PDB file of N, CA and C in Angstrom:
ATOM      1  N   MET A   1       0.833  -1.192   0.000  1.00  0.00           N
ATOM      2  CA  MET A   1       0.000   0.000   0.000  1.00  0.00           C
ATOM      3  C   MET A   1       0.873   1.248   0.000  1.00  0.00           C
ATOM      4  N   LEU A   2       1.898   1.255   0.850  1.00  0.00           N
ATOM      5  CA  LEU A   2       2.799   2.402   0.912  1.00  0.00           C
ATOM      6  C   LEU A   2       3.537   2.570  -0.407  1.00  0.00           C
ATOM      7  N   TYR A   3       4.001   1.458  -0.977  1.00  0.00           N
ATOM      8  CA  TYR A   3       4.728   1.527  -2.245  1.00  0.00           C
ATOM      9  C   TYR A   3       3.836   2.086  -3.349  1.00  0.00           C
ATOM     10  N   SER A   4       2.598   1.658  -3.392  1.00  0.00           N
ATOM     11  CA  SER A   4       1.657   2.176  -4.405  1.00  0.00           C
ATOM     12  C   SER A   4       1.413   3.667  -4.210  1.00  0.00           C
ATOM     13  N   ALA A   5       1.290   4.092  -2.955  1.00  0.00           N
ATOM     14  CA  ALA A   5       1.085   5.521  -2.676  1.00  0.00           C
ATOM     15  C   ALA A   5       2.306   6.337  -3.089  1.00  0.00           C
ATOM     16  N   ILE A   6       3.486   5.821  -2.809  1.00  0.00           N
ATOM     17  CA  ILE A   6       4.709   6.517  -3.214  1.00  0.00           C
ATOM     18  C   ILE A   6       4.753   6.665  -4.731  1.00  0.00           C
ATOM     19  N   ARG A   7       4.455   5.585  -5.423  1.00  0.00           N
ATOM     20  CA  ARG A   7       4.479   5.634  -6.897  1.00  0.00           C
ATOM     21  C   ARG A   7       3.438   6.601  -7.448  1.00  0.00           C
ATOM     22  N   LEU A   8       2.265   6.615  -6.854  1.00  0.00           N
ATOM     23  CA  LEU A   8       1.211   7.518  -7.314  1.00  0.00           C
ATOM     24  C   LEU A   8       1.595   8.971  -7.090  1.00  0.00           C
ATOM     25  N   VAL A   9       2.124   9.283  -5.906  1.00  0.00           N
ATOM     26  CA  VAL A   9       2.548  10.660  -5.622  1.00  0.00           C
ATOM     27  C   VAL A   9       3.671  11.066  -6.572  1.00  0.00           C
ATOM     28  N   LEU A  10       4.611  10.162  -6.798  1.00  0.00           N
ATOM     29  CA  LEU A  10       5.708  10.443  -7.713  1.00  0.00           C
ATOM     30  C   LEU A  10       5.193  10.710  -9.122  1.00  0.00           C
ATOM     31  N   LEU A  11       4.250   9.925  -9.569  1.00  0.00           N
ATOM     32  CA  LEU A  11       3.649  10.110 -10.893  1.00  0.00           C
ATOM     33  C   LEU A  11       2.990  11.481 -11.007  1.00  0.00           C
ATOM     34  N   VAL A  12       2.206  11.843 -10.010  1.00  0.00           N
ATOM     35  CA  VAL A  12       1.496  13.125 -10.043  1.00  0.00           C
ATOM     36  C   VAL A  12       2.481  14.293 -10.023  1.00  0.00           C
ATOM     37  N   VAL A  13       3.492  14.195  -9.179  1.00  0.00           N
ATOM     38  CA  VAL A  13       4.478  15.282  -9.088  1.00  0.00           C
ATOM     39  C   VAL A  13       5.192  15.464 -10.425  1.00  0.00           C
ATOM     40  N   ILE A  14       5.647  14.381 -11.015  1.00  0.00           N
ATOM     41  CA  ILE A  14       6.339  14.487 -12.307  1.00  0.00           C
ATOM     42  C   ILE A  14       5.400  15.026 -13.370  1.00  0.00           C
ATOM     43  N   TRP A  15       4.159  14.571 -13.373  1.00  0.00           N
ATOM     44  CA  TRP A  15       3.195  15.028 -14.374  1.00  0.00           C
ATOM     45  C   TRP A  15       2.948  16.535 -14.245  1.00  0.00           C
ATOM     46  N   VAL A  16       2.778  17.009 -13.011  1.00  0.00           N
ATOM     47  CA  VAL A  16       2.548  18.439 -12.780  1.00  0.00           C
ATOM     48  C   VAL A  16       3.768  19.260 -13.206  1.00  0.00           C
ATOM     49  N   VAL A  17       4.956  18.757 -12.899  1.00  0.00           N
ATOM     50  CA  VAL A  17       6.173  19.473 -13.303  1.00  0.00           C
ATOM     51  C   VAL A  17       6.256  19.551 -14.824  1.00  0.00           C
ATOM     52  N   LEU A  18       5.972  18.469 -15.505  1.00  0.00           N
ATOM     53  CA  LEU A  18       6.008  18.482 -16.976  1.00  0.00           C
ATOM     54  C   LEU A  18       4.949  19.417 -17.545  1.00  0.00           C
ATOM     55  N   LEU A  19       3.780  19.423 -16.945  1.00  0.00           N
ATOM     56  CA  LEU A  19       2.736  20.355 -17.403  1.00  0.00           C
ATOM     57  C   LEU A  19       3.160  21.800 -17.173  1.00  0.00           C
ATOM     58  N   ALA A  20       3.893  22.055 -16.096  1.00  0.00           N
ATOM     59  CA  ALA A  20       4.387  23.409 -15.813  1.00  0.00           C
ATOM     60  C   ALA A  20       5.380  23.864 -16.873  1.00  0.00           C
ATOM     61  N   PHE A  21       6.065  22.907 -17.480  1.00  0.00           N
ATOM     62  CA  PHE A  21       7.003  23.232 -18.567  1.00  0.00           C
ATOM     63  C   PHE A  21       6.331  23.175 -19.931  1.00  0.00           C
ATOM     64  N   HIS A  22       5.005  23.192 -19.942  1.00  0.00           N
ATOM     65  CA  HIS A  22       4.171  23.275 -21.146  1.00  0.00           C
ATOM     66  C   HIS A  22       4.330  22.076 -22.071  1.00  0.00           C
ATOM     67  N   VAL A  23       4.535  20.907 -21.490  1.00  0.00           N
ATOM     68  CA  VAL A  23       4.492  19.675 -22.271  1.00  0.00           C
ATOM     69  C   VAL A  23       3.014  19.294 -22.378  1.00  0.00           C
ATOM     70  N   SER A  24       2.586  18.832 -23.558  1.00  0.00           N
ATOM     71  CA  SER A  24       1.167  18.525 -23.754  1.00  0.00           C
ATOM     72  C   SER A  24       0.710  17.450 -22.771  1.00  0.00           C
ATOM     73  N   GLY A  25      -0.569  17.480 -22.421  1.00  0.00           N
ATOM     74  CA  GLY A  25      -1.119  16.649 -21.350  1.00  0.00           C
ATOM     75  C   GLY A  25      -0.867  15.161 -21.499  1.00  0.00           C
ATOM     76  N   LEU A  26      -1.197  14.585 -22.647  1.00  0.00           N
ATOM     77  CA  LEU A  26      -1.047  13.147 -22.836  1.00  0.00           C
ATOM     78  C   LEU A  26       0.426  12.749 -22.890  1.00  0.00           C
ATOM     79  N   LEU A  27       1.232  13.526 -23.564  1.00  0.00           N
ATOM     80  CA  LEU A  27       2.661  13.254 -23.622  1.00  0.00           C
ATOM     81  C   LEU A  27       3.283  13.383 -22.233  1.00  0.00           C
ATOM     82  N   ALA A  28       2.883  14.408 -21.493  1.00  0.00           N
ATOM     83  CA  ALA A  28       3.394  14.605 -20.136  1.00  0.00           C
ATOM     84  C   ALA A  28       3.024  13.417 -19.252  1.00  0.00           C
ATOM     85  N   PHE A  29       1.806  12.905 -19.405  1.00  0.00           N
ATOM     86  CA  PHE A  29       1.378  11.755 -18.608  1.00  0.00           C
ATOM     87  C   PHE A  29       2.194  10.516 -18.964  1.00  0.00           C
ATOM     88  N   ALA A  30       2.398  10.279 -20.248  1.00  0.00           N
ATOM     89  CA  ALA A  30       3.174   9.113 -20.676  1.00  0.00           C
ATOM     90  C   ALA A  30       4.608   9.186 -20.149  1.00  0.00           C
ATOM     91  N   ILE A  31       5.213  10.350 -20.247  1.00  0.00           N
ATOM     92  CA  ILE A  31       6.572  10.524 -19.742  1.00  0.00           C
ATOM     93  C   ILE A  31       6.590  10.344 -18.223  1.00  0.00           C
ATOM     94  N   ALA A  32       5.592  10.896 -17.542  1.00  0.00           N
ATOM     95  CA  ALA A  32       5.513  10.778 -16.086  1.00  0.00           C
ATOM     96  C   ALA A  32       5.377   9.321 -15.657  1.00  0.00           C
ATOM     97  N   VAL A  33       4.605   8.546 -16.385  1.00  0.00           N
ATOM     98  CA  VAL A  33       4.434   7.126 -16.055  1.00  0.00           C
ATOM     99  C   VAL A  33       5.771   6.400 -16.161  1.00  0.00           C
ATOM    100  N   VAL A  34       6.483   6.624 -17.252  1.00  0.00           N
ATOM    101  CA  VAL A  34       7.765   5.949 -17.456  1.00  0.00           C
ATOM    102  C   VAL A  34       8.776   6.384 -16.400  1.00  0.00           C
ATOM    103  N   LEU A  35       8.871   7.688 -16.169  1.00  0.00           N
ATOM    104  CA  LEU A  35       9.832   8.187 -15.185  1.00  0.00           C
ATOM    105  C   LEU A  35       9.493   7.711 -13.766  1.00  0.00           C
ATOM    106  N   ALA A  36       8.226   7.730 -13.410  1.00  0.00           N
ATOM    107  CA  ALA A  36       7.820   7.264 -12.083  1.00  0.00           C
ATOM    108  C   ALA A  36       8.145   5.784 -11.913  1.00  0.00           C
ATOM    109  N   LEU A  37       7.936   4.999 -12.964  1.00  0.00           N
ATOM    110  CA  LEU A  37       8.264   3.585 -12.910  1.00  0.00           C
ATOM    111  C   LEU A  37       9.765   3.384 -12.685  1.00  0.00           C
ATOM    112  N   LEU A  38      10.565   4.076 -13.459  1.00  0.00           N
ATOM    113  CA  LEU A  38      12.015   3.935 -13.338  1.00  0.00           C
ATOM    114  C   LEU A  38      12.523   4.406 -11.981  1.00  0.00           C
ATOM    115  N   ILE A  39      12.073   5.574 -11.551  1.00  0.00           N
ATOM    116  CA  ILE A  39      12.539   6.120 -10.273  1.00  0.00           C
ATOM    117  C   ILE A  39      12.104   5.236  -9.109  1.00  0.00           C
ATOM    118  N   SER A  40      10.845   4.784  -9.130  1.00  0.00           N
ATOM    119  CA  SER A  40      10.366   3.949  -8.023  1.00  0.00           C
ATOM    120  C   SER A  40      11.096   2.609  -7.999  1.00  0.00           C
ATOM    121  N   TYR A  41      11.424   2.070  -9.152  1.00  0.00           N
ATOM    122  CA  TYR A  41      12.142   0.802  -9.199  1.00  0.00           C
ATOM    123  C   TYR A  41      13.560   0.954  -8.660  1.00  0.00           C
ATOM    124  N   LEU A  42      14.220   2.041  -9.028  1.00  0.00           N
ATOM    125  CA  LEU A  42      15.605   2.247  -8.619  1.00  0.00           C
ATOM    126  C   LEU A  42      15.743   2.775  -7.190  1.00  0.00           C
ATOM    127  N   ALA A  43      14.854   3.646  -6.779  1.00  0.00           N
ATOM    128  CA  ALA A  43      15.049   4.358  -5.513  1.00  0.00           C
ATOM    129  C   ALA A  43      14.291   3.760  -4.324  1.00  0.00           C
ATOM    130  N   PHE A  44      13.258   2.976  -4.568  1.00  0.00           N
ATOM    131  CA  PHE A  44      12.401   2.513  -3.475  1.00  0.00           C
ATOM    132  C   PHE A  44      12.396   0.990  -3.374  1.00  0.00           C
ATOM    133  N   ARG A  45      13.573   0.404  -3.251  1.00  0.00           N
ATOM    134  CA  ARG A  45      13.695  -1.051  -3.199  1.00  0.00           C
ATOM    135  C   ARG A  45      13.035  -1.627  -1.936  1.00  0.00           C
ATOM    136  N   GLY A  46      13.252  -1.001  -0.793  1.00  0.00           N
ATOM    137  CA  GLY A  46      12.688  -1.507   0.460  1.00  0.00           C
ATOM    138  C   GLY A  46      11.172  -1.609   0.430  1.00  0.00           C
ATOM    139  N   PRO A  47      10.471  -0.514   0.128  1.00  0.00           N
ATOM    140  CA  PRO A  47       9.002  -0.611   0.061  1.00  0.00           C
ATOM    141  C   PRO A  47       8.524  -1.589  -1.017  1.00  0.00           C
ATOM    142  N   ARG A  48       9.258  -1.671  -2.133  1.00  0.00           N
ATOM    143  CA  ARG A  48       8.880  -2.595  -3.201  1.00  0.00           C
ATOM    144  C   ARG A  48       8.999  -4.041  -2.716  1.00  0.00           C
ATOM    145  N   ASP A  49      10.079  -4.360  -2.012  1.00  0.00           N
ATOM    146  CA  ASP A  49      10.259  -5.713  -1.501  1.00  0.00           C
ATOM    147  C   ASP A  49       9.197  -6.067  -0.462  1.00  0.00           C
ATOM    148  N   ARG A  50       8.850  -5.106   0.393  1.00  0.00           N
ATOM    149  CA  ARG A  50       7.796  -5.356   1.388  1.00  0.00           C
ATOM    150  C   ARG A  50       6.451  -5.592   0.700  1.00  0.00           C
ATOM    151  N   ALA A  51       6.187  -4.813  -0.348  1.00  0.00           N
ATOM    152  CA  ALA A  51       4.932  -4.990  -1.091  1.00  0.00           C
ATOM    153  C   ALA A  51       4.900  -6.356  -1.770  1.00  0.00           C
ATOM    154  N   ALA A  52       6.028  -6.787  -2.322  1.00  0.00           N
ATOM    155  CA  ALA A  52       6.086  -8.100  -2.970  1.00  0.00           C
ATOM    156  C   ALA A  52       5.867  -9.217  -1.962  1.00  0.00           C
ATOM    157  N   ARG A  53       6.459  -9.100  -0.770  1.00  0.00           N
ATOM    158  CA  ARG A  53       6.261 -10.105   0.269  1.00  0.00           C
ATOM    159  C   ARG A  53       4.796 -10.154   0.703  1.00  0.00           C
ATOM    160  N   TYR A  54       4.187  -8.978   0.838  1.00  0.00           N
ATOM    161  CA  TYR A  54       2.779  -8.915   1.229  1.00  0.00           C
ATOM    162  C   TYR A  54       1.900  -9.630   0.195  1.00  0.00           C
ATOM    163  N   VAL A  55       2.150  -9.365  -1.086  1.00  0.00           N
ATOM    164  CA  VAL A  55       1.355  -9.990  -2.143  1.00  0.00           C
ATOM    165  C   VAL A  55       1.569 -11.501  -2.140  1.00  0.00           C
ATOM    166  N   GLN A  56       2.816 -11.944  -1.947  1.00  0.00           N
ATOM    167  CA  GLN A  56       3.104 -13.368  -1.921  1.00  0.00           C
ATOM    168  C   GLN A  56       2.415 -14.051  -0.746  1.00  0.00           C
ATOM    169  N   GLU A  57       2.488 -13.445   0.436  1.00  0.00           N
ATOM    170  CA  GLU A  57       1.835 -14.032   1.611  1.00  0.00           C
ATOM    171  C   GLU A  57       0.325 -14.087   1.435  1.00  0.00           C
ATOM    172  N   ARG A  58      -0.230 -13.052   0.847  1.00  0.00           N
ATOM    173  CA  ARG A  58      -1.674 -13.028   0.624  1.00  0.00           C
ATOM    174  C   ARG A  58      -2.088 -14.122  -0.357  1.00  0.00           C
ATOM    175  N   ALA A  59      -1.275 -14.327  -1.400  1.00  0.00           N
ATOM    176  CA  ALA A  59      -1.574 -15.381  -2.367  1.00  0.00           C
ATOM    177  C   ALA A  59      -1.488 -16.755  -1.708  1.00  0.00           C
ATOM    178  N   GLN A  60      -0.523 -16.940  -0.826  1.00  0.00           N
ATOM    179  CA  GLN A  60      -0.405 -18.219  -0.129  1.00  0.00           C
ATOM    180  C   GLN A  60      -1.597 -18.457   0.792  1.00  0.00           C
ATOM    181  N   ARG A  61      -2.021 -17.406   1.506  1.00  0.00           N
ATOM    182  CA  ARG A  61      -3.205 -17.549   2.374  1.00  0.00           C
ATOM    183  C   ARG A  61      -4.443 -17.863   1.548  1.00  0.00           C
ATOM    184  N   ARG A  62      -4.565 -17.192   0.414  1.00  0.00           N
ATOM    185  CA  ARG A  62      -5.730 -17.432  -0.438  1.00  0.00           C
ATOM    186  C   ARG A  62      -5.697 -18.857  -0.974  1.00  0.00           C
ATOM    187  N   GLY A  63      -4.516 -19.340  -1.350  1.00  0.00           N
ATOM    188  CA  GLY A  63      -4.393 -20.712  -1.832  1.00  0.00           C
ATOM    189  C   GLY A  63      -4.765 -21.719  -0.770  1.00  0.00           C
ATOM    190  N   ALA A  64      -4.351 -21.473   0.473  1.00  0.00           N
ATOM    191  CA  ALA A  64      -4.704 -22.372   1.570  1.00  0.00           C
ATOM    192  C   ALA A  64      -6.211 -22.376   1.787  1.00  0.00           C
ATOM    193  N   GLY A  65      -6.835 -21.220   1.672  1.00  0.00           N
ATOM    194  CA  GLY A  65      -8.286 -21.131   1.818  1.00  0.00           C
ATOM    195  C   GLY A  65      -9.010 -21.884   0.716  1.00  0.00           C
ATOM    196  N   GLU A  66      -8.488 -21.813  -0.496  1.00  0.00           N
ATOM    197  CA  GLU A  66      -9.112 -22.527  -1.609  1.00  0.00           C
ATOM    198  C   GLU A  66      -8.988 -24.036  -1.421  1.00  0.00           C
ATOM    199  N   ARG A  67      -7.853 -24.493  -0.886  1.00  0.00           N
ATOM    200  CA  ARG A  67      -7.699 -25.929  -0.640  1.00  0.00           C
ATOM    201  C   ARG A  67      -8.700 -26.395   0.409  1.00  0.00           C
ATOM    202  N   ARG A  68      -8.919 -25.568   1.453  1.00  0.00           N
ATOM    203  CA  ARG A  68      -9.906 -25.930   2.475  1.00  0.00           C
ATOM    204  C   ARG A  68     -11.295 -26.004   1.861  1.00  0.00           C
ATOM    205  N   ILE A  69     -11.622 -25.049   1.023  1.00  0.00           N
ATOM    206  CA  ILE A  69     -12.940 -25.034   0.388  1.00  0.00           C
ATOM    207  C   ILE A  69     -13.082 -26.237  -0.536  1.00  0.00           C
ATOM    208  N   SER A  70     -12.040 -26.552  -1.313  1.00  0.00           N
ATOM    209  CA  SER A  70     -12.090 -27.700  -2.215  1.00  0.00           C
ATOM    210  C   SER A  70     -12.287 -28.987  -1.440  1.00  0.00           C
ATOM    211  N   ALA A  71     -11.584 -29.133  -0.313  1.00  0.00           N
ATOM    212  CA  ALA A  71     -11.743 -30.341   0.502  1.00  0.00           C
ATOM    213  C   ALA A  71     -13.164 -30.438   1.036  1.00  0.00           C
ATOM    214  N   SER A  72     -13.725 -29.313   1.444  1.00  0.00           N
ATOM    215  CA  SER A  72     -15.090 -29.295   1.959  1.00  0.00           C
ATOM    216  C   SER A  72     -16.080 -29.671   0.853  1.00  0.00           C
ATOM    217  N   ILE A  73     -15.850 -29.174  -0.344  1.00  0.00           N
ATOM    218  CA  ILE A  73     -16.725 -29.505  -1.475  1.00  0.00           C
ATOM    219  C   ILE A  73     -16.636 -30.995  -1.781  1.00  0.00           C
ATOM    220  N   ASP A  74     -15.413 -31.529  -1.765  1.00  0.00           N
ATOM    221  CA  ASP A  74     -15.242 -32.966  -2.019  1.00  0.00           C
ATOM    222  C   ASP A  74     -15.974 -33.804  -0.975  1.00  0.00           C
ATOM    223  N   GLU A  75     -15.894 -33.397   0.298  1.00  0.00           N
ATOM    224  CA  GLU A  75     -16.599 -34.121   1.354  1.00  0.00           C
ATOM    225  C   GLU A  75     -18.107 -34.060   1.144  1.00  0.00           C
ATOM    226  N   ASP A  76     -18.611 -32.881   0.748  1.00  0.00           N
ATOM    227  CA  ASP A  76     -20.047 -32.730   0.487  1.00  0.00           C
ATOM    228  C   ASP A  76     -20.466 -33.604  -0.689  1.00  0.00           C
ATOM    229  N   ASP A  77     -19.646 -33.641  -1.740  1.00  0.00           N
ATOM    230  CA  ASP A  77     -19.961 -34.475  -2.896  1.00  0.00           C
ATOM    231  C   ASP A  77     -20.029 -35.948  -2.507  1.00  0.00           C
ATOM    232  N   ALA A  78     -19.080 -36.395  -1.696  1.00  0.00           N
ATOM    233  CA  ALA A  78     -19.058 -37.795  -1.265  1.00  0.00           C
ATOM    234  C   ALA A  78     -20.301 -38.116  -0.433  1.00  0.00           C
ATOM    235  N   ALA A  79     -20.689 -37.204   0.441  1.00  0.00           N
ATOM    236  CA  ALA A  79     -21.878 -37.425   1.271  1.00  0.00           C
ATOM    237  C   ALA A  79     -23.132 -37.493   0.401  1.00  0.00           C
ATOM    238  N   GLU A  80     -23.241 -36.599  -0.569  1.00  0.00           N
ATOM    239  CA  GLU A  80     -24.403 -36.612  -1.461  1.00  0.00           C
ATOM    240  C   GLU A  80     -24.434 -37.887  -2.299  1.00  0.00           C
ATOM    241  N   ASP A  81     -23.263 -38.318  -2.792  1.00  0.00           N
ATOM    242  CA  ASP A  81     -23.198 -39.550  -3.576  1.00  0.00           C
ATOM    243  C   ASP A  81     -23.635 -40.747  -2.738  1.00  0.00           C
ATOM    244  N   ALA A  82     -23.227 -40.762  -1.473  1.00  0.00           N
ATOM    245  CA  ALA A  82     -23.620 -41.864  -0.587  1.00  0.00           C
ATOM    246  C   ALA A  82     -25.132 -41.884  -0.387  1.00  0.00           C
ATOM    247  N   ILE A  83     -25.739 -40.713  -0.240  1.00  0.00           N
ATOM    248  CA  ILE A  83     -27.193 -40.635  -0.070  1.00  0.00           C
ATOM    249  C   ILE A  83     -27.907 -41.121  -1.322  1.00  0.00           C
ATOM    250  N   VAL A  84     -27.432 -40.673  -2.489  1.00  0.00           N
ATOM    251  CA  VAL A  84     -28.053 -41.082  -3.751  1.00  0.00           C
ATOM    252  C   VAL A  84     -27.889 -42.579  -3.954  1.00  0.00           C
ATOM    253  N   ASP A  85     -26.709 -43.119  -3.663  1.00  0.00           N
ATOM    254  CA  ASP A  85     -26.494 -44.559  -3.808  1.00  0.00           C
ATOM    255  C   ASP A  85     -27.410 -45.341  -2.884  1.00  0.00           C
ATOM    256  N   ALA A  86     -27.578 -44.862  -1.655  1.00  0.00           N
ATOM    257  CA  ALA A  86     -28.461 -45.536  -0.701  1.00  0.00           C
ATOM    258  C   ALA A  86     -29.904 -45.509  -1.198  1.00  0.00           C
ATOM    259  N   GLN A  87     -30.322 -44.403  -1.777  1.00  0.00           N
ATOM    260  CA  GLN A  87     -31.692 -44.301  -2.288  1.00  0.00           C
ATOM    261  C   GLN A  87     -31.889 -45.214  -3.485  1.00  0.00           C
ATOM    262  N   ARG A  88     -30.878 -45.353  -4.335  1.00  0.00           N
ATOM    263  CA  ARG A  88     -30.998 -46.226  -5.508  1.00  0.00           C
ATOM    264  C   ARG A  88     -31.134 -47.684  -5.080  1.00  0.00           C
ATOM    265  N   HIS A  89     -30.444 -48.064  -4.016  1.00  0.00           N
ATOM    266  CA  HIS A  89     -30.517 -49.443  -3.557  1.00  0.00           C
ATOM    267  C   HIS A  89     -31.865 -49.738  -2.900  1.00  0.00           C
ATOM    268  N   ASP A  90     -32.549 -48.719  -2.425  1.00  0.00           N
ATOM    269  CA  ASP A  90     -33.865 -48.907  -1.804  1.00  0.00           C
ATOM    270  C   ASP A  90     -34.959 -49.086  -2.846  1.00  0.00           C
ATOM    271  N   VAL A  91     -34.750 -48.579  -4.081  1.00  0.00           N
ATOM    272  CA  VAL A  91     -35.764 -48.651  -5.134  1.00  0.00           C
ATOM    273  C   VAL A  91     -35.454 -49.853  -6.017  1.00  0.00           C
ATOM    274  N   PRO A  92     -36.398 -50.801  -6.172  1.00  0.00           N
ATOM    275  CA  PRO A  92     -36.135 -51.979  -6.999  1.00  0.00           C
ATOM    276  C   PRO A  92     -35.920 -51.578  -8.465  1.00  0.00           C
ATOM    277  N   GLY A  93     -34.887 -52.145  -9.086  1.00  0.00           N
ATOM    278  CA  GLY A  93     -34.608 -51.891 -10.493  1.00  0.00           C
ATOM    279  C   GLY A  93     -33.929 -50.568 -10.756  1.00  0.00           C
ATOM    280  N   ALA A  94     -33.596 -49.790  -9.707  1.00  0.00           N
ATOM    281  CA  ALA A  94     -32.993 -48.475  -9.915  1.00  0.00           C
ATOM    282  C   ALA A  94     -31.504 -48.559 -10.214  1.00  0.00           C
ATOM    283  N   ASP A  95     -30.845 -49.749  -9.982  1.00  0.00           N
ATOM    284  CA  ASP A  95     -29.417 -49.796 -10.246  1.00  0.00           C
ATOM    285  C   ASP A  95     -29.112 -50.211 -11.678  1.00  0.00           C
ATOM    286  N   THR A  96     -30.094 -50.311 -12.536  1.00  0.00           N
ATOM    287  CA  THR A  96     -29.817 -50.629 -13.929  1.00  0.00           C
ATOM    288  C   THR A  96     -29.402 -49.369 -14.659  1.00  0.00           C
ATOM    289  N   ASP A  97     -28.827 -49.575 -15.849  1.00  0.00           N
ATOM    290  CA  ASP A  97     -28.311 -48.426 -16.616  1.00  0.00           C
ATOM    291  C   ASP A  97     -29.424 -47.559 -17.186  1.00  0.00           C
ATOM    292  N   ASP A  98     -30.661 -48.063 -17.264  1.00  0.00           N
ATOM    293  CA  ASP A  98     -31.747 -47.247 -17.829  1.00  0.00           C
ATOM    294  C   ASP A  98     -32.568 -46.571 -16.746  1.00  0.00           C
ATOM    295  N   ALA A  99     -31.998 -46.380 -15.569  1.00  0.00           N
ATOM    296  CA  ALA A  99     -32.693 -45.710 -14.478  1.00  0.00           C
ATOM    297  C   ALA A  99     -32.912 -44.251 -14.827  1.00  0.00           C
ATOM    298  N   PRO A 100     -34.076 -43.699 -14.446  1.00  0.00           N
ATOM    299  CA  PRO A 100     -34.339 -42.281 -14.756  1.00  0.00           C
ATOM    300  C   PRO A 100     -33.337 -41.372 -14.059  1.00  0.00           C
ATOM    301  N   GLY A 101     -32.916 -40.323 -14.761  1.00  0.00           N
ATOM    302  CA  GLY A 101     -32.024 -39.346 -14.199  1.00  0.00           C
ATOM    303  C   GLY A 101     -30.564 -39.747 -14.266  1.00  0.00           C
ATOM    304  N   ARG A 102     -30.326 -40.917 -14.812  1.00  0.00           N
ATOM    305  CA  ARG A 102     -28.937 -41.385 -14.919  1.00  0.00           C
ATOM    306  C   ARG A 102     -28.544 -41.346 -16.384  1.00  0.00           C
ATOM    307  N   PRO A 103     -27.399 -40.753 -16.704  1.00  0.00           N
ATOM    308  CA  PRO A 103     -27.004 -40.672 -18.117  1.00  0.00           C
ATOM    309  C   PRO A 103     -26.756 -42.053 -18.699  1.00  0.00           C
ATOM    310  N   ALA A 104     -27.115 -42.199 -19.957  1.00  0.00           N
ATOM    311  CA  ALA A 104     -26.971 -43.488 -20.638  1.00  0.00           C
ATOM    312  C   ALA A 104     -25.569 -43.707 -21.118  1.00  0.00           C
TER     313      ALA A 104
END
């Protein structure tokens, strides 16, 4: 968050300075974007590394959450399959391949 704020402030400052020197708006913005990118990459290594670690940790937490959800879905699927199988065994003739609701 801090790194993004630094980059945004740097972009705005460079853009305003270029506009003050009468560089056209779109060209000034394009130059400001490139310069802000270069300056932030070269001068702000610490905040950039912290931001990268934050993003990596967040991705790992999200991945762990998805694995938990996937496991829960698999357990629910198994429970539902067991219920359906039990119901099919209770109905005479339901375990044949031409049972209604079962793909051929």
